[in-house]
N, C-alpha and C. Protein backbone atom coordinates (compact mmCIF):
# COMPACT_ATOMS: atom_id res chain seq x y z
N MET A 1 18.67 -38.88 -39.88
CA MET A 1 17.82 -37.78 -40.29
C MET A 1 16.37 -38.15 -40.02
N TYR A 2 15.56 -37.18 -39.67
CA TYR A 2 14.17 -37.43 -39.31
C TYR A 2 13.27 -37.11 -40.49
N SER A 3 12.17 -37.82 -40.59
CA SER A 3 11.24 -37.58 -41.69
C SER A 3 10.48 -36.29 -41.45
N ILE A 4 9.94 -35.74 -42.52
CA ILE A 4 9.22 -34.48 -42.45
C ILE A 4 7.92 -34.64 -41.67
N VAL A 5 7.37 -35.86 -41.63
CA VAL A 5 6.09 -36.05 -40.97
C VAL A 5 6.18 -35.95 -39.45
N GLN A 6 7.38 -35.96 -38.91
CA GLN A 6 7.51 -35.82 -37.47
C GLN A 6 7.13 -34.40 -37.06
N SER A 7 6.34 -34.31 -36.03
CA SER A 7 5.92 -32.99 -35.56
C SER A 7 7.06 -32.31 -34.81
N ASP A 8 6.88 -31.00 -34.63
CA ASP A 8 7.86 -30.24 -33.85
C ASP A 8 7.96 -30.83 -32.44
N ASN A 9 6.82 -31.20 -31.88
CA ASN A 9 6.83 -31.74 -30.51
C ASN A 9 7.59 -33.06 -30.42
N GLU A 10 7.45 -33.90 -31.46
CA GLU A 10 8.20 -35.16 -31.46
C GLU A 10 9.70 -34.88 -31.53
N LEU A 11 10.08 -33.94 -32.38
CA LEU A 11 11.50 -33.59 -32.49
C LEU A 11 12.01 -32.97 -31.19
N LEU A 12 11.20 -32.13 -30.56
CA LEU A 12 11.60 -31.53 -29.28
C LEU A 12 11.78 -32.61 -28.22
N GLN A 13 10.88 -33.55 -28.19
CA GLN A 13 10.98 -34.63 -27.20
C GLN A 13 12.24 -35.45 -27.44
N ARG A 14 12.55 -35.71 -28.69
CA ARG A 14 13.79 -36.46 -29.01
C ARG A 14 15.01 -35.67 -28.55
N TYR A 15 14.98 -34.34 -28.76
CA TYR A 15 16.10 -33.51 -28.31
C TYR A 15 16.23 -33.55 -26.79
N ILE A 16 15.12 -33.41 -26.11
CA ILE A 16 15.13 -33.44 -24.64
C ILE A 16 15.65 -34.78 -24.14
N ASN A 17 15.39 -35.83 -24.90
CA ASN A 17 15.87 -37.16 -24.53
C ASN A 17 17.31 -37.41 -24.96
N GLY A 18 17.99 -36.39 -25.48
CA GLY A 18 19.42 -36.51 -25.76
C GLY A 18 19.82 -36.60 -27.22
N GLU A 19 18.89 -36.57 -28.14
CA GLU A 19 19.23 -36.64 -29.56
C GLU A 19 19.45 -35.23 -30.11
N GLU A 20 20.71 -34.80 -30.15
CA GLU A 20 21.06 -33.44 -30.59
C GLU A 20 20.59 -33.14 -32.01
N ASN A 21 20.60 -34.16 -32.87
CA ASN A 21 20.20 -33.94 -34.27
C ASN A 21 18.75 -33.54 -34.42
N ALA A 22 17.92 -33.87 -33.46
CA ALA A 22 16.51 -33.50 -33.53
C ALA A 22 16.35 -31.98 -33.52
N LEU A 23 17.12 -31.30 -32.68
CA LEU A 23 17.05 -29.83 -32.66
C LEU A 23 17.62 -29.25 -33.95
N ALA A 24 18.66 -29.88 -34.48
CA ALA A 24 19.24 -29.43 -35.75
C ALA A 24 18.19 -29.50 -36.86
N THR A 25 17.35 -30.52 -36.84
CA THR A 25 16.29 -30.66 -37.83
C THR A 25 15.29 -29.52 -37.69
N LEU A 26 14.91 -29.19 -36.46
CA LEU A 26 14.00 -28.06 -36.22
C LEU A 26 14.63 -26.74 -36.67
N LEU A 27 15.90 -26.58 -36.34
CA LEU A 27 16.60 -25.35 -36.75
C LEU A 27 16.57 -25.19 -38.26
N LYS A 28 16.89 -26.27 -38.95
CA LYS A 28 16.93 -26.21 -40.41
C LYS A 28 15.55 -25.89 -40.98
N LYS A 29 14.52 -26.44 -40.35
CA LYS A 29 13.15 -26.24 -40.81
C LYS A 29 12.73 -24.77 -40.73
N TYR A 30 13.15 -24.07 -39.68
CA TYR A 30 12.66 -22.71 -39.43
C TYR A 30 13.70 -21.61 -39.54
N GLN A 31 14.96 -21.94 -39.78
CA GLN A 31 16.01 -20.91 -39.71
C GLN A 31 15.78 -19.76 -40.68
N ARG A 32 15.33 -20.04 -41.88
CA ARG A 32 15.14 -18.97 -42.86
C ARG A 32 14.04 -18.00 -42.41
N LYS A 33 12.95 -18.56 -41.93
CA LYS A 33 11.81 -17.74 -41.50
C LYS A 33 12.21 -16.88 -40.30
N ILE A 34 12.91 -17.46 -39.34
CA ILE A 34 13.29 -16.74 -38.13
C ILE A 34 14.35 -15.68 -38.45
N PHE A 35 15.34 -16.06 -39.26
CA PHE A 35 16.38 -15.09 -39.60
C PHE A 35 15.79 -13.92 -40.39
N SER A 36 14.90 -14.22 -41.32
CA SER A 36 14.27 -13.14 -42.11
C SER A 36 13.50 -12.18 -41.20
N PHE A 37 12.80 -12.74 -40.23
CA PHE A 37 12.06 -11.90 -39.29
C PHE A 37 13.01 -11.00 -38.51
N ILE A 38 14.09 -11.56 -37.99
CA ILE A 38 15.06 -10.77 -37.21
C ILE A 38 15.68 -9.69 -38.11
N MET A 39 16.04 -10.08 -39.32
CA MET A 39 16.67 -9.14 -40.25
C MET A 39 15.73 -7.97 -40.55
N MET A 40 14.45 -8.26 -40.70
CA MET A 40 13.48 -7.19 -40.95
C MET A 40 13.38 -6.25 -39.75
N ARG A 41 13.61 -6.76 -38.58
CA ARG A 41 13.50 -5.92 -37.39
C ARG A 41 14.75 -5.05 -37.20
N VAL A 42 15.94 -5.63 -37.38
CA VAL A 42 17.16 -4.90 -36.99
C VAL A 42 17.89 -4.26 -38.17
N LYS A 43 17.64 -4.72 -39.39
CA LYS A 43 18.20 -4.11 -40.61
C LYS A 43 19.74 -4.14 -40.68
N ASP A 44 20.34 -5.07 -39.99
CA ASP A 44 21.80 -5.18 -39.99
C ASP A 44 22.14 -6.67 -39.95
N ARG A 45 22.82 -7.15 -40.99
CA ARG A 45 23.07 -8.59 -41.12
C ARG A 45 23.88 -9.15 -39.96
N ALA A 46 24.95 -8.47 -39.58
CA ALA A 46 25.80 -8.98 -38.48
C ALA A 46 25.01 -9.02 -37.17
N LEU A 47 24.25 -7.97 -36.91
CA LEU A 47 23.42 -7.93 -35.70
C LEU A 47 22.35 -9.02 -35.76
N ALA A 48 21.74 -9.20 -36.93
CA ALA A 48 20.71 -10.23 -37.09
C ALA A 48 21.30 -11.61 -36.83
N GLU A 49 22.51 -11.85 -37.31
CA GLU A 49 23.17 -13.14 -37.07
C GLU A 49 23.42 -13.35 -35.57
N ASP A 50 23.83 -12.29 -34.88
CA ASP A 50 24.05 -12.39 -33.43
C ASP A 50 22.75 -12.69 -32.70
N ILE A 51 21.70 -11.98 -33.05
CA ILE A 51 20.41 -12.19 -32.38
C ILE A 51 19.86 -13.56 -32.71
N PHE A 52 20.05 -14.00 -33.95
CA PHE A 52 19.61 -15.35 -34.34
C PHE A 52 20.30 -16.40 -33.48
N GLN A 53 21.61 -16.24 -33.32
CA GLN A 53 22.38 -17.17 -32.50
C GLN A 53 21.93 -17.11 -31.03
N ASP A 54 21.74 -15.91 -30.51
CA ASP A 54 21.26 -15.74 -29.14
C ASP A 54 19.89 -16.37 -28.95
N THR A 55 19.05 -16.26 -29.98
CA THR A 55 17.71 -16.85 -29.93
C THR A 55 17.82 -18.35 -29.68
N PHE A 56 18.70 -19.01 -30.42
CA PHE A 56 18.78 -20.45 -30.27
C PHE A 56 19.54 -20.87 -29.02
N PHE A 57 20.43 -20.04 -28.52
CA PHE A 57 21.01 -20.32 -27.21
C PHE A 57 19.92 -20.29 -26.14
N LYS A 58 19.05 -19.29 -26.25
CA LYS A 58 17.95 -19.17 -25.29
C LYS A 58 16.97 -20.34 -25.42
N VAL A 59 16.71 -20.76 -26.65
CA VAL A 59 15.84 -21.92 -26.88
C VAL A 59 16.45 -23.16 -26.23
N ILE A 60 17.73 -23.37 -26.47
CA ILE A 60 18.42 -24.55 -25.91
C ILE A 60 18.40 -24.50 -24.39
N ASP A 61 18.72 -23.33 -23.82
CA ASP A 61 18.71 -23.20 -22.36
C ASP A 61 17.32 -23.48 -21.79
N SER A 62 16.29 -22.95 -22.44
CA SER A 62 14.92 -23.17 -21.97
C SER A 62 14.52 -24.63 -22.07
N LEU A 63 14.89 -25.27 -23.17
CA LEU A 63 14.56 -26.69 -23.34
C LEU A 63 15.28 -27.55 -22.29
N LYS A 64 16.57 -27.26 -22.08
CA LYS A 64 17.33 -28.05 -21.11
C LYS A 64 16.86 -27.82 -19.68
N ALA A 65 16.33 -26.62 -19.41
CA ALA A 65 15.83 -26.32 -18.07
C ALA A 65 14.38 -26.78 -17.89
N GLY A 66 13.81 -27.37 -18.95
CA GLY A 66 12.44 -27.85 -18.86
C GLY A 66 11.40 -26.75 -18.84
N LYS A 67 11.75 -25.58 -19.40
CA LYS A 67 10.85 -24.43 -19.36
C LYS A 67 9.92 -24.35 -20.57
N TYR A 68 10.08 -25.22 -21.54
CA TYR A 68 9.21 -25.18 -22.72
C TYR A 68 7.96 -25.99 -22.43
N ASN A 69 6.81 -25.33 -22.54
CA ASN A 69 5.54 -26.04 -22.37
C ASN A 69 4.51 -25.52 -23.35
N GLU A 70 4.96 -24.96 -24.44
CA GLU A 70 4.07 -24.38 -25.44
C GLU A 70 3.71 -25.45 -26.47
N GLU A 71 3.11 -26.52 -26.04
CA GLU A 71 2.85 -27.66 -26.91
C GLU A 71 2.17 -27.25 -28.21
N GLY A 72 2.80 -27.64 -29.32
CA GLY A 72 2.25 -27.35 -30.63
C GLY A 72 2.52 -25.95 -31.13
N LYS A 73 3.28 -25.17 -30.39
CA LYS A 73 3.49 -23.77 -30.77
C LYS A 73 4.98 -23.43 -30.79
N PHE A 74 5.79 -24.33 -31.29
CA PHE A 74 7.23 -24.11 -31.26
C PHE A 74 7.65 -22.86 -32.02
N LEU A 75 7.20 -22.72 -33.29
CA LEU A 75 7.64 -21.56 -34.08
C LEU A 75 7.20 -20.24 -33.45
N PRO A 76 5.94 -20.07 -33.06
CA PRO A 76 5.57 -18.80 -32.42
C PRO A 76 6.38 -18.54 -31.14
N TRP A 77 6.69 -19.59 -30.40
CA TRP A 77 7.49 -19.46 -29.18
C TRP A 77 8.88 -18.94 -29.52
N VAL A 78 9.51 -19.52 -30.54
CA VAL A 78 10.85 -19.08 -30.95
C VAL A 78 10.80 -17.66 -31.51
N MET A 79 9.75 -17.36 -32.29
CA MET A 79 9.62 -16.02 -32.85
C MET A 79 9.44 -14.98 -31.73
N MET A 80 8.74 -15.37 -30.68
CA MET A 80 8.56 -14.45 -29.55
C MET A 80 9.92 -14.21 -28.86
N ILE A 81 10.70 -15.26 -28.72
CA ILE A 81 12.04 -15.10 -28.14
C ILE A 81 12.87 -14.16 -29.01
N ALA A 82 12.85 -14.39 -30.32
CA ALA A 82 13.60 -13.53 -31.25
C ALA A 82 13.12 -12.08 -31.17
N ASN A 83 11.81 -11.90 -31.15
CA ASN A 83 11.24 -10.56 -31.05
C ASN A 83 11.68 -9.88 -29.76
N ASN A 84 11.63 -10.60 -28.65
CA ASN A 84 12.05 -10.03 -27.36
C ASN A 84 13.53 -9.65 -27.38
N LEU A 85 14.36 -10.47 -28.00
CA LEU A 85 15.79 -10.14 -28.09
C LEU A 85 16.01 -8.90 -28.96
N CYS A 86 15.23 -8.77 -30.02
CA CYS A 86 15.32 -7.56 -30.85
C CYS A 86 14.91 -6.33 -30.04
N MET A 87 13.81 -6.45 -29.32
CA MET A 87 13.34 -5.32 -28.51
C MET A 87 14.37 -4.98 -27.42
N ASP A 88 14.97 -5.99 -26.81
CA ASP A 88 16.02 -5.75 -25.81
C ASP A 88 17.16 -4.96 -26.42
N HIS A 89 17.53 -5.33 -27.64
CA HIS A 89 18.61 -4.61 -28.33
C HIS A 89 18.25 -3.13 -28.50
N PHE A 90 17.01 -2.87 -28.97
CA PHE A 90 16.59 -1.49 -29.20
C PHE A 90 16.47 -0.71 -27.89
N ARG A 91 16.02 -1.37 -26.84
CA ARG A 91 15.94 -0.70 -25.54
C ARG A 91 17.33 -0.32 -25.04
N ARG A 92 18.27 -1.25 -25.19
CA ARG A 92 19.65 -0.97 -24.76
C ARG A 92 20.23 0.21 -25.53
N ASN A 93 19.92 0.28 -26.79
CA ASN A 93 20.48 1.33 -27.64
C ASN A 93 19.55 2.52 -27.79
N LYS A 94 18.40 2.45 -27.10
CA LYS A 94 17.42 3.55 -27.09
C LYS A 94 17.09 4.06 -28.49
N ARG A 95 16.87 3.11 -29.38
CA ARG A 95 16.45 3.48 -30.73
C ARG A 95 15.54 2.39 -31.27
N MET A 96 14.71 2.81 -32.20
CA MET A 96 13.82 1.85 -32.84
C MET A 96 14.28 1.67 -34.28
N PRO A 97 13.95 0.52 -34.87
CA PRO A 97 14.41 0.25 -36.24
C PRO A 97 13.71 1.14 -37.26
N VAL A 98 14.40 1.33 -38.36
CA VAL A 98 13.80 2.02 -39.49
C VAL A 98 13.67 1.00 -40.61
N MET A 99 12.74 1.24 -41.49
CA MET A 99 12.47 0.29 -42.56
C MET A 99 13.45 0.55 -43.70
N VAL A 100 14.59 -0.11 -43.68
CA VAL A 100 15.58 0.02 -44.72
C VAL A 100 15.97 -1.38 -45.14
N ASP A 101 15.94 -1.64 -46.42
CA ASP A 101 16.27 -2.95 -46.93
C ASP A 101 17.47 -2.78 -47.85
N SER A 102 18.62 -3.26 -47.42
CA SER A 102 19.87 -2.97 -48.10
C SER A 102 19.94 -3.50 -49.52
N ASP A 103 19.23 -4.58 -49.83
CA ASP A 103 19.37 -5.12 -51.17
C ASP A 103 18.17 -4.80 -52.05
N SER A 104 17.31 -3.90 -51.61
CA SER A 104 16.16 -3.42 -52.39
C SER A 104 15.27 -4.55 -52.88
N THR A 105 15.10 -5.59 -52.08
CA THR A 105 14.20 -6.66 -52.48
C THR A 105 12.78 -6.15 -52.43
N ALA A 106 11.93 -6.78 -53.19
CA ALA A 106 10.54 -6.34 -53.30
C ALA A 106 9.81 -6.54 -51.99
N ILE A 107 8.96 -5.58 -51.68
CA ILE A 107 8.16 -5.66 -50.47
C ILE A 107 6.76 -6.11 -50.86
N LEU A 108 6.12 -6.86 -49.99
CA LEU A 108 4.78 -7.38 -50.24
C LEU A 108 4.69 -8.10 -51.58
N ASN A 109 5.74 -8.83 -51.90
CA ASN A 109 5.77 -9.70 -53.08
C ASN A 109 5.55 -8.97 -54.40
N LEU A 110 6.16 -7.80 -54.57
CA LEU A 110 6.09 -7.12 -55.86
C LEU A 110 6.77 -8.00 -56.91
N VAL A 111 6.20 -8.02 -58.07
CA VAL A 111 6.66 -8.94 -59.10
C VAL A 111 7.82 -8.33 -59.87
N ARG A 112 8.84 -9.15 -60.09
CA ARG A 112 9.94 -8.74 -60.97
C ARG A 112 9.74 -9.39 -62.32
N PHE A 113 9.94 -8.66 -63.36
CA PHE A 113 9.78 -9.20 -64.70
C PHE A 113 11.14 -9.65 -65.22
N ALA A 114 11.12 -10.69 -66.05
CA ALA A 114 12.35 -11.33 -66.52
C ALA A 114 13.26 -10.37 -67.28
N GLU A 115 12.69 -9.64 -68.24
CA GLU A 115 13.50 -8.73 -69.04
C GLU A 115 13.14 -7.30 -68.70
N GLU A 116 13.67 -6.85 -67.60
CA GLU A 116 13.34 -5.53 -67.08
C GLU A 116 14.34 -4.51 -67.60
N SER A 117 13.84 -3.43 -68.18
CA SER A 117 14.74 -2.38 -68.67
C SER A 117 15.29 -1.61 -67.47
N LYS A 118 16.31 -0.83 -67.70
CA LYS A 118 16.89 -0.01 -66.62
C LYS A 118 15.86 0.97 -66.09
N GLU A 119 15.05 1.52 -66.97
CA GLU A 119 14.01 2.46 -66.55
C GLU A 119 12.96 1.75 -65.69
N ASP A 120 12.55 0.55 -66.13
CA ASP A 120 11.58 -0.22 -65.35
C ASP A 120 12.15 -0.58 -63.97
N LYS A 121 13.42 -0.97 -63.95
CA LYS A 121 14.06 -1.33 -62.69
C LYS A 121 14.10 -0.13 -61.75
N LEU A 122 14.47 1.03 -62.27
CA LEU A 122 14.52 2.25 -61.46
C LEU A 122 13.14 2.59 -60.92
N MET A 123 12.12 2.49 -61.77
CA MET A 123 10.76 2.79 -61.34
C MET A 123 10.31 1.80 -60.25
N ARG A 124 10.63 0.51 -60.43
CA ARG A 124 10.26 -0.49 -59.43
C ARG A 124 10.96 -0.22 -58.11
N GLU A 125 12.24 0.10 -58.16
CA GLU A 125 13.00 0.39 -56.94
C GLU A 125 12.44 1.62 -56.22
N GLN A 126 12.05 2.63 -56.99
CA GLN A 126 11.44 3.82 -56.38
C GLN A 126 10.11 3.48 -55.74
N THR A 127 9.32 2.64 -56.39
CA THR A 127 8.03 2.23 -55.84
C THR A 127 8.22 1.45 -54.56
N VAL A 128 9.16 0.52 -54.57
CA VAL A 128 9.45 -0.28 -53.37
C VAL A 128 9.87 0.65 -52.23
N GLN A 129 10.73 1.59 -52.50
CA GLN A 129 11.19 2.52 -51.46
C GLN A 129 10.03 3.34 -50.92
N GLN A 130 9.16 3.80 -51.81
CA GLN A 130 8.01 4.60 -51.37
C GLN A 130 7.07 3.76 -50.50
N ILE A 131 6.86 2.50 -50.86
CA ILE A 131 6.00 1.62 -50.05
C ILE A 131 6.63 1.40 -48.68
N LYS A 132 7.94 1.21 -48.63
CA LYS A 132 8.62 1.03 -47.35
C LYS A 132 8.43 2.26 -46.46
N GLU A 133 8.54 3.43 -47.07
CA GLU A 133 8.34 4.66 -46.31
C GLU A 133 6.92 4.75 -45.77
N LEU A 134 5.96 4.34 -46.57
CA LEU A 134 4.57 4.36 -46.13
C LEU A 134 4.33 3.35 -45.00
N ILE A 135 4.94 2.18 -45.09
CA ILE A 135 4.80 1.17 -44.04
C ILE A 135 5.33 1.72 -42.72
N ASN A 136 6.39 2.50 -42.78
CA ASN A 136 6.95 3.09 -41.56
C ASN A 136 6.00 4.07 -40.90
N LEU A 137 5.03 4.58 -41.65
CA LEU A 137 4.07 5.54 -41.10
C LEU A 137 2.88 4.86 -40.42
N LEU A 138 2.77 3.54 -40.57
CA LEU A 138 1.66 2.81 -39.95
C LEU A 138 1.82 2.80 -38.43
N PRO A 139 0.72 2.69 -37.69
CA PRO A 139 0.83 2.50 -36.24
C PRO A 139 1.63 1.22 -35.95
N PRO A 140 2.40 1.18 -34.86
CA PRO A 140 3.28 0.05 -34.58
C PRO A 140 2.59 -1.31 -34.59
N ASP A 141 1.38 -1.42 -34.04
CA ASP A 141 0.72 -2.72 -34.00
C ASP A 141 0.33 -3.20 -35.40
N GLN A 142 -0.07 -2.28 -36.27
CA GLN A 142 -0.40 -2.64 -37.65
C GLN A 142 0.85 -3.02 -38.44
N LYS A 143 1.91 -2.24 -38.24
CA LYS A 143 3.17 -2.50 -38.92
C LYS A 143 3.71 -3.87 -38.52
N GLU A 144 3.62 -4.19 -37.23
CA GLU A 144 4.13 -5.48 -36.73
C GLU A 144 3.41 -6.65 -37.39
N VAL A 145 2.08 -6.59 -37.45
CA VAL A 145 1.31 -7.68 -38.06
C VAL A 145 1.64 -7.80 -39.54
N LEU A 146 1.75 -6.68 -40.23
CA LEU A 146 2.07 -6.69 -41.66
C LEU A 146 3.43 -7.34 -41.90
N LEU A 147 4.43 -6.97 -41.10
CA LEU A 147 5.78 -7.54 -41.27
C LEU A 147 5.81 -9.02 -40.93
N LEU A 148 5.12 -9.40 -39.85
CA LEU A 148 5.09 -10.81 -39.46
C LEU A 148 4.40 -11.66 -40.53
N ARG A 149 3.37 -11.12 -41.13
CA ARG A 149 2.62 -11.87 -42.14
C ARG A 149 3.38 -11.96 -43.45
N HIS A 150 3.94 -10.84 -43.92
CA HIS A 150 4.55 -10.83 -45.25
C HIS A 150 6.03 -11.16 -45.26
N TYR A 151 6.73 -10.89 -44.20
CA TYR A 151 8.17 -11.20 -44.18
C TYR A 151 8.48 -12.49 -43.45
N ALA A 152 7.85 -12.70 -42.32
CA ALA A 152 8.11 -13.92 -41.57
C ALA A 152 7.18 -15.04 -42.01
N ASP A 153 6.20 -14.71 -42.85
CA ASP A 153 5.27 -15.69 -43.40
C ASP A 153 4.54 -16.48 -42.31
N LEU A 154 4.18 -15.78 -41.24
CA LEU A 154 3.46 -16.43 -40.16
C LEU A 154 1.96 -16.43 -40.44
N SER A 155 1.28 -17.43 -39.92
CA SER A 155 -0.18 -17.46 -40.03
C SER A 155 -0.75 -16.46 -39.03
N PHE A 156 -2.01 -16.12 -39.19
CA PHE A 156 -2.63 -15.19 -38.25
C PHE A 156 -2.72 -15.81 -36.86
N LYS A 157 -2.86 -17.12 -36.78
CA LYS A 157 -2.86 -17.80 -35.48
C LYS A 157 -1.49 -17.62 -34.81
N GLU A 158 -0.42 -17.82 -35.57
CA GLU A 158 0.93 -17.66 -35.03
C GLU A 158 1.17 -16.21 -34.62
N ILE A 159 0.69 -15.28 -35.43
CA ILE A 159 0.85 -13.85 -35.11
C ILE A 159 0.10 -13.53 -33.82
N ALA A 160 -1.12 -14.05 -33.70
CA ALA A 160 -1.91 -13.80 -32.49
C ALA A 160 -1.20 -14.36 -31.26
N ASP A 161 -0.67 -15.57 -31.37
CA ASP A 161 0.06 -16.17 -30.24
C ASP A 161 1.29 -15.34 -29.88
N MET A 162 2.00 -14.88 -30.89
CA MET A 162 3.24 -14.14 -30.65
C MET A 162 2.98 -12.76 -30.06
N THR A 163 1.89 -12.12 -30.48
CA THR A 163 1.62 -10.76 -30.01
C THR A 163 0.73 -10.74 -28.78
N GLY A 164 0.30 -11.91 -28.34
CA GLY A 164 -0.54 -11.98 -27.14
C GLY A 164 -1.95 -11.45 -27.37
N THR A 165 -2.43 -11.58 -28.61
CA THR A 165 -3.78 -11.14 -28.93
C THR A 165 -4.57 -12.34 -29.45
N ASN A 166 -5.79 -12.10 -29.89
CA ASN A 166 -6.54 -13.19 -30.52
C ASN A 166 -6.48 -13.03 -32.04
N ILE A 167 -6.95 -14.06 -32.74
CA ILE A 167 -6.85 -14.05 -34.20
C ILE A 167 -7.62 -12.88 -34.80
N ASN A 168 -8.79 -12.57 -34.25
CA ASN A 168 -9.58 -11.47 -34.79
C ASN A 168 -8.85 -10.14 -34.67
N THR A 169 -8.13 -9.94 -33.58
CA THR A 169 -7.35 -8.71 -33.42
C THR A 169 -6.24 -8.66 -34.46
N ALA A 170 -5.53 -9.78 -34.66
CA ALA A 170 -4.47 -9.83 -35.66
C ALA A 170 -5.02 -9.55 -37.06
N LEU A 171 -6.16 -10.19 -37.37
CA LEU A 171 -6.80 -9.95 -38.67
C LEU A 171 -7.23 -8.50 -38.82
N GLY A 172 -7.80 -7.94 -37.77
CA GLY A 172 -8.22 -6.54 -37.80
C GLY A 172 -7.05 -5.60 -38.02
N ARG A 173 -5.95 -5.86 -37.33
CA ARG A 173 -4.78 -5.00 -37.50
C ARG A 173 -4.25 -5.07 -38.92
N MET A 174 -4.27 -6.28 -39.50
CA MET A 174 -3.81 -6.43 -40.88
C MET A 174 -4.76 -5.68 -41.82
N ARG A 175 -6.04 -5.82 -41.59
CA ARG A 175 -7.04 -5.14 -42.43
C ARG A 175 -6.82 -3.63 -42.37
N TYR A 176 -6.65 -3.09 -41.15
CA TYR A 176 -6.45 -1.65 -41.02
C TYR A 176 -5.10 -1.22 -41.62
N ALA A 177 -4.09 -2.06 -41.50
CA ALA A 177 -2.80 -1.74 -42.11
C ALA A 177 -2.95 -1.61 -43.62
N LEU A 178 -3.65 -2.55 -44.23
CA LEU A 178 -3.84 -2.51 -45.68
C LEU A 178 -4.72 -1.32 -46.10
N LEU A 179 -5.77 -1.07 -45.32
CA LEU A 179 -6.62 0.09 -45.61
C LEU A 179 -5.83 1.39 -45.50
N ASN A 180 -5.03 1.50 -44.44
CA ASN A 180 -4.21 2.71 -44.26
C ASN A 180 -3.19 2.86 -45.38
N LEU A 181 -2.57 1.74 -45.79
CA LEU A 181 -1.62 1.81 -46.91
C LEU A 181 -2.32 2.27 -48.18
N ARG A 182 -3.49 1.70 -48.46
CA ARG A 182 -4.23 2.12 -49.66
C ARG A 182 -4.55 3.61 -49.62
N LYS A 183 -4.97 4.09 -48.46
CA LYS A 183 -5.30 5.51 -48.32
C LYS A 183 -4.05 6.37 -48.52
N MET A 184 -2.94 5.95 -47.91
CA MET A 184 -1.69 6.72 -48.06
C MET A 184 -1.22 6.69 -49.51
N ILE A 185 -1.38 5.55 -50.18
CA ILE A 185 -0.98 5.46 -51.58
C ILE A 185 -1.84 6.38 -52.43
N GLY A 186 -3.12 6.45 -52.08
CA GLY A 186 -4.03 7.36 -52.80
C GLY A 186 -3.65 8.81 -52.60
N ASP A 187 -3.15 9.14 -51.40
CA ASP A 187 -2.75 10.50 -51.10
C ASP A 187 -1.40 10.85 -51.68
N LYS A 188 -0.57 9.84 -51.92
CA LYS A 188 0.79 10.06 -52.41
C LYS A 188 0.91 9.38 -53.76
N VAL A 189 1.37 10.07 -54.73
CA VAL A 189 1.52 9.50 -56.07
C VAL A 189 2.75 8.60 -56.06
N ILE A 190 2.52 7.31 -56.38
CA ILE A 190 3.63 6.36 -56.46
C ILE A 190 3.98 6.19 -57.94
N VAL A 191 5.26 6.22 -58.21
CA VAL A 191 5.77 6.13 -59.60
C VAL A 191 5.24 4.90 -60.27
């Protein structure tokens, strides 16, 4: 097993040199973040699992073919591969995802209280659903940054790398997304 202090690049180099466990360490480090991102995009667990698996097949193929040269940017590189595979899926099926979360988990880190009454739970679920609906109304570039930041927990630098923009553009899109959400919330009464 490798220590946590090893960088992604060190682990990648070990994998390229034949140590299969090095890639397993990287997978374990990022699997939750990558799977959550894919799940947020496709809204279907079985499909998300397939795309997650395809993502790592593509990563392995690229590494073995010597095509990885994104030094220091492993996670954004993998997230871009995952995003492209999601987009390929939607292009093939000629549909775009809708914001539906099957287990009604809180969006944007809404707080759950320990002893929540049934009425409080219902109100919270309605609020979460209303926020999801409002997020779907955002322009695609703003929605993408918001989801990458809050669901995939990416830094603005990682988001900028993944979307092919600069950090200021990513920050601006997030700012406008939040401003637009506040305006929409003001226009729409949330329970």
